[in-house]
Amino acid sequence: MATFSLPRESIEESFGYPVLTSRFEGQTEQRRLKSTKKLIGFRITSPALTEAGMQTYRDFFTARSGEFETFTFVSPFDGISYTVHFVGEIKSTFSRGHFRCSFEFQVVS
């Protein structure tokens, strides 16, 4: 299994729990926990890149077939190695002569 080890400028971690909320007439609601498993995700932004550097990020994404294949990612927040997959597409921007990539991972186990 591949490991994501490309440089990153910023990392955001998100976590929550899967809650099902039912709303009823009279402004009342009922909440149920669908699972006790915590949902963890990461949003990554690359540092300023050359065109070749940007292609390295795209190649890693393409080699996983986007969301299809899992890989490992070590969180800088807790040092744990997670099995993750991409969520959605990789986004590339060009500004002031440099490229940047941004993307999201979701923990699967």
C-alpha atoms as a PDB file:
ATOM      1  CA  MET A   1       0.000   0.000   0.000  1.00  0.00           C
ATOM      2  CA  ALA A   2       1.331   3.447  -0.916  1.00  0.00           C
ATOM      3  CA  THR A   3       2.067   6.107   1.686  1.00  0.00           C
ATOM      4  CA  PHE A   4       1.321   9.794   1.120  1.00  0.00           C
ATOM      5  CA  SER A   5       4.585  11.595   1.893  1.00  0.00           C
ATOM      6  CA  LEU A   6       4.496  14.606  -0.440  1.00  0.00           C
ATOM      7  CA  PRO A   7       5.213  18.043   1.067  1.00  0.00           C
ATOM      8  CA  ARG A   8       2.271  19.972   2.458  1.00  0.00           C
ATOM      9  CA  GLU A   9       1.912  23.582   3.532  1.00  0.00           C
ATOM     10  CA  SER A  10      -1.210  23.172   5.619  1.00  0.00           C
ATOM     11  CA  ILE A  11      -3.297  20.336   7.006  1.00  0.00           C
ATOM     12  CA  GLU A  12      -6.746  20.605   8.528  1.00  0.00           C
ATOM     13  CA  GLU A  13      -8.158  17.716  10.538  1.00  0.00           C
ATOM     14  CA  SER A  14     -11.874  17.221  10.980  1.00  0.00           C
ATOM     15  CA  PHE A  15     -13.710  14.665  13.059  1.00  0.00           C
ATOM     16  CA  GLY A  16     -17.217  13.980  14.151  1.00  0.00           C
ATOM     17  CA  TYR A  17     -19.760  11.239  14.660  1.00  0.00           C
ATOM     18  CA  PRO A  18     -22.484   9.967  12.316  1.00  0.00           C
ATOM     19  CA  VAL A  19     -25.718  11.317  13.788  1.00  0.00           C
ATOM     20  CA  LEU A  20     -29.153  10.837  12.245  1.00  0.00           C
ATOM     21  CA  THR A  21     -31.467  13.753  13.027  1.00  0.00           C
ATOM     22  CA  SER A  22     -35.231  13.442  12.510  1.00  0.00           C
ATOM     23  CA  ARG A  23     -37.268  16.662  12.632  1.00  0.00           C
ATOM     24  CA  PHE A  24     -40.932  16.680  13.512  1.00  0.00           C
ATOM     25  CA  GLU A  25     -43.738  19.182  13.471  1.00  0.00           C
ATOM     26  CA  GLY A  26     -43.674  21.589  16.365  1.00  0.00           C
ATOM     27  CA  GLN A  27     -39.906  22.176  16.055  1.00  0.00           C
ATOM     28  CA  THR A  28     -38.975  18.972  17.911  1.00  0.00           C
ATOM     29  CA  GLU A  29     -36.242  16.638  16.797  1.00  0.00           C
ATOM     30  CA  GLN A  30     -34.809  13.268  17.668  1.00  0.00           C
ATOM     31  CA  ARG A  31     -31.121  12.407  17.304  1.00  0.00           C
ATOM     32  CA  ARG A  32     -29.675   8.922  17.015  1.00  0.00           C
ATOM     33  CA  LEU A  33     -26.051   7.882  16.888  1.00  0.00           C
ATOM     34  CA  LYS A  34     -25.620   5.681  13.801  1.00  0.00           C
ATOM     35  CA  SER A  35     -22.226   4.401  14.949  1.00  0.00           C
ATOM     36  CA  THR A  36     -19.759   5.010  17.737  1.00  0.00           C
ATOM     37  CA  LYS A  37     -16.925   5.086  15.205  1.00  0.00           C
ATOM     38  CA  LYS A  38     -15.407   8.551  14.898  1.00  0.00           C
ATOM     39  CA  LEU A  39     -15.343  10.005  11.357  1.00  0.00           C
ATOM     40  CA  ILE A  40     -11.926  11.520  10.624  1.00  0.00           C
ATOM     41  CA  GLY A  41     -10.853  13.510   7.588  1.00  0.00           C
ATOM     42  CA  PHE A  42      -7.985  15.707   6.432  1.00  0.00           C
ATOM     43  CA  ARG A  43      -7.794  18.662   4.036  1.00  0.00           C
ATOM     44  CA  ILE A  44      -4.317  19.147   2.570  1.00  0.00           C
ATOM     45  CA  THR A  45      -2.833  22.122   0.728  1.00  0.00           C
ATOM     46  CA  SER A  46       0.518  21.784  -1.004  1.00  0.00           C
ATOM     47  CA  PRO A  47       3.279  24.379  -0.788  1.00  0.00           C
ATOM     48  CA  ALA A  48       4.016  26.549  -3.847  1.00  0.00           C
ATOM     49  CA  LEU A  49       4.959  24.179  -6.676  1.00  0.00           C
ATOM     50  CA  THR A  50       6.531  24.186 -10.095  1.00  0.00           C
ATOM     51  CA  GLU A  51       4.582  22.554 -12.904  1.00  0.00           C
ATOM     52  CA  ALA A  52       6.622  19.356 -12.405  1.00  0.00           C
ATOM     53  CA  GLY A  53       5.864  19.417  -8.664  1.00  0.00           C
ATOM     54  CA  MET A  54       2.160  19.789  -9.347  1.00  0.00           C
ATOM     55  CA  GLN A  55       2.336  16.805 -11.697  1.00  0.00           C
ATOM     56  CA  THR A  56       3.776  14.687  -8.852  1.00  0.00           C
ATOM     57  CA  TYR A  57       0.608  15.297  -6.809  1.00  0.00           C
ATOM     58  CA  ARG A  58      -1.585  14.536  -9.817  1.00  0.00           C
ATOM     59  CA  ASP A  59       0.376  11.336 -10.494  1.00  0.00           C
ATOM     60  CA  PHE A  60      -0.181  10.133  -6.908  1.00  0.00           C
ATOM     61  CA  PHE A  61      -3.921  10.850  -7.265  1.00  0.00           C
ATOM     62  CA  THR A  62      -4.085   9.107 -10.657  1.00  0.00           C
ATOM     63  CA  ALA A  63      -2.161   6.063  -9.403  1.00  0.00           C
ATOM     64  CA  ARG A  64      -4.894   5.587  -6.755  1.00  0.00           C
ATOM     65  CA  SER A  65      -7.625   6.065  -9.413  1.00  0.00           C
ATOM     66  CA  GLY A  66      -8.932   8.978  -7.379  1.00  0.00           C
ATOM     67  CA  GLU A  67     -11.205   7.767  -4.577  1.00  0.00           C
ATOM     68  CA  PHE A  68     -10.856   4.102  -5.529  1.00  0.00           C
ATOM     69  CA  GLU A  69      -7.647   2.894  -3.861  1.00  0.00           C
ATOM     70  CA  THR A  70      -6.623   3.386  -0.238  1.00  0.00           C
ATOM     71  CA  PHE A  71      -3.211   4.500   0.995  1.00  0.00           C
ATOM     72  CA  THR A  72      -1.614   5.399   4.321  1.00  0.00           C
ATOM     73  CA  PHE A  73      -1.218   8.857   5.822  1.00  0.00           C
ATOM     74  CA  VAL A  74       0.544   9.713   9.078  1.00  0.00           C
ATOM     75  CA  SER A  75      -1.322  12.452  10.897  1.00  0.00           C
ATOM     76  CA  PRO A  76       0.873  15.231  12.289  1.00  0.00           C
ATOM     77  CA  PHE A  77      -1.815  15.783  14.961  1.00  0.00           C
ATOM     78  CA  ASP A  78      -1.449  12.427  16.721  1.00  0.00           C
ATOM     79  CA  GLY A  79       1.341  10.553  14.863  1.00  0.00           C
ATOM     80  CA  ILE A  80      -1.044   7.713  13.933  1.00  0.00           C
ATOM     81  CA  SER A  81      -0.783   6.060  10.522  1.00  0.00           C
ATOM     82  CA  TYR A  82      -4.287   5.945   9.039  1.00  0.00           C
ATOM     83  CA  THR A  83      -5.639   4.084   6.033  1.00  0.00           C
ATOM     84  CA  VAL A  84      -7.356   6.741   3.921  1.00  0.00           C
ATOM     85  CA  HIS A  85      -8.788   7.417   0.479  1.00  0.00           C
ATOM     86  CA  PHE A  86      -9.262  10.611  -1.501  1.00  0.00           C
ATOM     87  CA  VAL A  87     -12.624  12.376  -1.250  1.00  0.00           C
ATOM     88  CA  GLY A  88     -13.684  14.067  -4.475  1.00  0.00           C
ATOM     89  CA  GLU A  89     -11.217  15.540  -6.893  1.00  0.00           C
ATOM     90  CA  ILE A  90      -7.797  17.126  -6.600  1.00  0.00           C
ATOM     91  CA  LYS A  91      -7.930  20.894  -7.136  1.00  0.00           C
ATOM     92  CA  SER A  92      -5.074  22.801  -8.751  1.00  0.00           C
ATOM     93  CA  THR A  93      -4.579  26.573  -8.731  1.00  0.00           C
ATOM     94  CA  PHE A  94      -2.056  28.879 -10.376  1.00  0.00           C
ATOM     95  CA  SER A  95      -1.212  32.224  -8.800  1.00  0.00           C
ATOM     96  CA  ARG A  96       1.836  34.504  -8.844  1.00  0.00           C
ATOM     97  CA  GLY A  97       3.844  32.081 -10.933  1.00  0.00           C
ATOM     98  CA  HIS A  98       3.298  29.011  -8.746  1.00  0.00           C
ATOM     99  CA  PHE A  99       0.932  26.068  -8.648  1.00  0.00           C
ATOM    100  CA  ARG A 100      -0.819  24.656  -5.571  1.00  0.00           C
ATOM    101  CA  CYS A 101      -2.867  21.507  -5.103  1.00  0.00           C
ATOM    102  CA  SER A 102      -5.573  20.885  -2.526  1.00  0.00           C
ATOM    103  CA  PHE A 103      -7.502  17.728  -1.744  1.00  0.00           C
ATOM    104  CA  GLU A 104      -9.210  15.770   1.022  1.00  0.00           C
ATOM    105  CA  PHE A 105      -8.685  12.341   2.591  1.00  0.00           C
ATOM    106  CA  GLN A 106     -11.143  10.319   4.654  1.00  0.00           C
ATOM    107  CA  VAL A 107     -10.080   7.635   7.137  1.00  0.00           C
ATOM    108  CA  VAL A 108     -11.459   4.204   6.280  1.00  0.00           C
ATOM    109  CA  SER A 109      -9.914   2.196   9.114  1.00  0.00           C
END
